[in-house]
C-alpha atoms as a PDB file:
ATOM      1  CA  MET A   1      -0.026  -0.049   0.043  1.00  0.00           C
ATOM      2  CA  SER A   2       1.306   3.499  -0.861  1.00  0.00           C
ATOM      3  CA  GLU A   3       1.092   6.593   1.287  1.00  0.00           C
ATOM      4  CA  TYR A   4      -1.015   9.531   0.163  1.00  0.00           C
ATOM      5  CA  GLU A   5      -1.605  13.039   1.269  1.00  0.00           C
ATOM      6  CA  VAL A   6      -5.165  14.518   0.600  1.00  0.00           C
ATOM      7  CA  ILE A   7      -6.022  18.120   1.067  1.00  0.00           C
ATOM      8  CA  VAL A   8      -9.711  19.080   0.845  1.00  0.00           C
ATOM      9  CA  ILE A   9     -11.020  22.652   0.760  1.00  0.00           C
ATOM     10  CA  TYR A  10     -14.514  22.893   1.997  1.00  0.00           C
ATOM     11  CA  GLU A  11     -16.742  25.952   1.919  1.00  0.00           C
ATOM     12  CA  ALA A  12     -15.829  28.427   4.616  1.00  0.00           C
ATOM     13  CA  GLY A  13     -19.427  29.019   5.706  1.00  0.00           C
ATOM     14  CA  LEU A  14     -19.599  25.481   7.213  1.00  0.00           C
ATOM     15  CA  THR A  15     -19.966  25.340  10.952  1.00  0.00           C
ATOM     16  CA  GLU A  16     -17.406  23.492  13.106  1.00  0.00           C
ATOM     17  CA  GLU A  17     -19.858  20.570  13.555  1.00  0.00           C
ATOM     18  CA  ALA A  18     -20.722  20.407   9.764  1.00  0.00           C
ATOM     19  CA  LEU A  19     -16.957  20.377   9.035  1.00  0.00           C
ATOM     20  CA  GLU A  20     -16.415  17.585  11.574  1.00  0.00           C
ATOM     21  CA  ALA A  21     -19.441  15.742   9.855  1.00  0.00           C
ATOM     22  CA  GLN A  22     -17.651  16.031   6.397  1.00  0.00           C
ATOM     23  CA  ALA A  23     -14.486  14.659   7.912  1.00  0.00           C
ATOM     24  CA  GLU A  24     -16.418  11.749   9.321  1.00  0.00           C
ATOM     25  CA  LEU A  25     -17.893  11.096   5.824  1.00  0.00           C
ATOM     26  CA  PHE A  26     -14.389  11.025   4.394  1.00  0.00           C
ATOM     27  CA  ARG A  27     -13.362   8.504   7.170  1.00  0.00           C
ATOM     28  CA  GLY A  28     -16.336   6.302   6.328  1.00  0.00           C
ATOM     29  CA  PHE A  29     -15.097   6.481   2.678  1.00  0.00           C
ATOM     30  CA  LEU A  30     -11.627   5.376   3.755  1.00  0.00           C
ATOM     31  CA  ASP A  31     -13.152   2.386   5.596  1.00  0.00           C
ATOM     32  CA  ARG A  32     -15.085   1.271   2.401  1.00  0.00           C
ATOM     33  CA  GLU A  33     -11.892   1.698   0.378  1.00  0.00           C
ATOM     34  CA  ARG A  34      -9.853  -0.267   3.003  1.00  0.00           C
ATOM     35  CA  ALA A  35      -7.428   2.626   3.356  1.00  0.00           C
ATOM     36  CA  GLU A  36      -5.711   3.339   6.612  1.00  0.00           C
ATOM     37  CA  LEU A  37      -5.928   6.884   8.082  1.00  0.00           C
ATOM     38  CA  LEU A  38      -2.489   7.932   9.476  1.00  0.00           C
ATOM     39  CA  GLU A  39      -3.110  11.624  10.273  1.00  0.00           C
ATOM     40  CA  VAL A  40      -5.701  14.353  10.129  1.00  0.00           C
ATOM     41  CA  GLN A  41      -4.850  18.046  10.420  1.00  0.00           C
ATOM     42  CA  LYS A  42      -7.533  20.899  10.468  1.00  0.00           C
ATOM     43  CA  TRP A  43      -5.752  23.925   8.929  1.00  0.00           C
ATOM     44  CA  GLY A  44      -8.727  26.058   9.430  1.00  0.00           C
ATOM     45  CA  ARG A  45     -10.181  28.859   7.437  1.00  0.00           C
ATOM     46  CA  ARG A  46      -7.923  30.501   4.894  1.00  0.00           C
ATOM     47  CA  ARG A  47      -8.101  32.884   2.057  1.00  0.00           C
ATOM     48  CA  LEU A  48      -7.943  31.358  -1.369  1.00  0.00           C
ATOM     49  CA  ALA A  49      -5.378  32.446  -3.955  1.00  0.00           C
ATOM     50  CA  TYR A  50      -8.238  32.976  -6.357  1.00  0.00           C
ATOM     51  CA  GLU A  51     -12.058  32.737  -6.466  1.00  0.00           C
ATOM     52  CA  ILE A  52     -13.407  29.268  -6.667  1.00  0.00           C
ATOM     53  CA  LYS A  53     -17.224  28.898  -7.064  1.00  0.00           C
ATOM     54  CA  LYS A  54     -17.592  32.504  -6.283  1.00  0.00           C
ATOM     55  CA  LYS A  55     -15.853  31.919  -2.751  1.00  0.00           C
ATOM     56  CA  ARG A  56     -12.877  33.875  -1.422  1.00  0.00           C
ATOM     57  CA  GLU A  57     -12.204  31.617   1.590  1.00  0.00           C
ATOM     58  CA  GLY A  58     -12.207  27.988   2.284  1.00  0.00           C
ATOM     59  CA  SER A  59     -11.820  25.586   5.334  1.00  0.00           C
ATOM     60  CA  TYR A  60      -8.839  23.183   4.747  1.00  0.00           C
ATOM     61  CA  ILE A  61      -8.349  19.630   6.012  1.00  0.00           C
ATOM     62  CA  PHE A  62      -5.286  17.567   5.532  1.00  0.00           C
ATOM     63  CA  PHE A  63      -5.337  13.708   5.498  1.00  0.00           C
ATOM     64  CA  ARG A  64      -2.422  11.359   5.440  1.00  0.00           C
ATOM     65  CA  VAL A  65      -3.544   7.896   4.279  1.00  0.00           C
ATOM     66  CA  LYS A  66      -2.194   4.466   3.312  1.00  0.00           C
ATOM     67  CA  GLY A  67      -4.165   3.050   0.337  1.00  0.00           C
ATOM     68  CA  LYS A  68      -4.297   1.032  -2.824  1.00  0.00           C
ATOM     69  CA  PRO A  69      -2.734   2.510  -6.089  1.00  0.00           C
ATOM     70  CA  THR A  70      -6.284   3.328  -7.255  1.00  0.00           C
ATOM     71  CA  PHE A  71      -6.942   5.532  -4.248  1.00  0.00           C
ATOM     72  CA  PRO A  72      -6.539   8.908  -5.918  1.00  0.00           C
ATOM     73  CA  GLN A  73      -9.152   8.065  -8.556  1.00  0.00           C
ATOM     74  CA  ALA A  74     -11.489   6.836  -5.797  1.00  0.00           C
ATOM     75  CA  VAL A  75     -11.033  10.182  -3.894  1.00  0.00           C
ATOM     76  CA  ASP A  76     -11.780  12.076  -7.098  1.00  0.00           C
ATOM     77  CA  ARG A  77     -14.987  10.103  -7.766  1.00  0.00           C
ATOM     78  CA  GLN A  78     -15.962  10.522  -4.074  1.00  0.00           C
ATOM     79  CA  LEU A  79     -15.419  14.286  -3.785  1.00  0.00           C
ATOM     80  CA  LYS A  80     -16.012  15.767  -7.234  1.00  0.00           C
ATOM     81  CA  PHE A  81     -19.755  16.023  -6.897  1.00  0.00           C
ATOM     82  CA  SER A  82     -19.905  17.228  -3.286  1.00  0.00           C
ATOM     83  CA  GLU A  83     -21.554  20.693  -3.106  1.00  0.00           C
ATOM     84  CA  VAL A  84     -19.400  21.712  -0.094  1.00  0.00           C
ATOM     85  CA  VAL A  85     -16.051  20.698  -1.473  1.00  0.00           C
ATOM     86  CA  LEU A  86     -14.423  23.592  -3.347  1.00  0.00           C
ATOM     87  CA  ARG A  87     -11.313  21.647  -4.316  1.00  0.00           C
ATOM     88  CA  HIS A  88      -9.447  18.454  -3.467  1.00  0.00           C
ATOM     89  CA  LEU A  89      -6.042  16.981  -4.234  1.00  0.00           C
ATOM     90  CA  ALA A  90      -4.665  13.511  -3.588  1.00  0.00           C
ATOM     91  CA  VAL A  91      -0.866  12.933  -4.146  1.00  0.00           C
ATOM     92  CA  ARG A  92       1.222   9.888  -3.527  1.00  0.00           C
ATOM     93  CA  VAL A  93       4.136  10.369  -1.104  1.00  0.00           C
ATOM     94  CA  GLU A  94       7.480   8.830  -1.947  1.00  0.00           C
ATOM     95  CA  ARG A  95      10.066   8.139   0.477  1.00  0.00           C
ATOM     96  CA  ALA A  96      13.680   9.081  -0.443  1.00  0.00           C
ATOM     97  CA  ALA A  97      16.698   6.926   0.458  1.00  0.00           C
ATOM     98  CA  GLY A  98      17.187   8.840   3.743  1.00  0.00           C
ATOM     99  CA  GLY A  99      13.558   8.213   4.731  1.00  0.00           C
ATOM    100  CA  LYS A 100      12.516  11.781   4.006  1.00  0.00           C
ATOM    101  CA  ALA A 101       9.013  12.190   2.500  1.00  0.00           C
ATOM    102  CA  THR A 102       8.408  13.891  -0.736  1.00  0.00           C
ATOM    103  CA  THR A 103       5.350  14.090  -2.867  1.00  0.00           C
ATOM    104  CA  GLY A 104       5.494  12.655  -6.379  1.00  0.00           C
ATOM    105  CA  ALA A 105       5.761  16.198  -7.964  1.00  0.00           C
ATOM    106  CA  ALA A 106       8.656  17.269  -5.733  1.00  0.00           C
ATOM    107  CA  ALA A 107      10.383  13.975  -6.348  1.00  0.00           C
ATOM    108  CA  SER A 108      10.101  14.361 -10.081  1.00  0.00           C
ATOM    109  CA  GLY A 109      11.469  17.915 -10.009  1.00  0.00           C
ATOM    110  CA  ALA A 110      14.454  16.804  -7.824  1.00  0.00           C
ATOM    111  CA  GLU A 111      15.196  13.978 -10.436  1.00  0.00           C
ATOM    112  CA  ARG A 112      15.176  16.468 -13.174  1.00  0.00           C
ATOM    113  CA  GLU A 113      17.478  18.849 -11.375  1.00  0.00           C
ATOM    114  CA  GLY A 114      19.988  16.030 -10.746  1.00  0.00           C
ATOM    115  CA  SER A 115      20.055  14.795 -14.281  1.00  0.00           C
END
């Protein structure tokens, strides 16, 4: 099983209880996908770099998960039609030789620089 980082941006207007309910829905999805939840961080409400669905702020939640190789596609299917999700991103985390974690995009950039 690979390790993934998932960031979900929810509408900023959600109450703390509604945001926790959304996180519980995502945990239920992880159970159905037989993925292991390693860490959850609530990053809180932040200003967006640009308007998304006519919103200027969003509530961020970060999940670190171990799942199957098809996990990012399953996340996309699960979250893309949710009305309270503004954006989501799931990336695979690769471990470097020293045990340091890097995302797939960062690892690819490091390989190109070293070539």
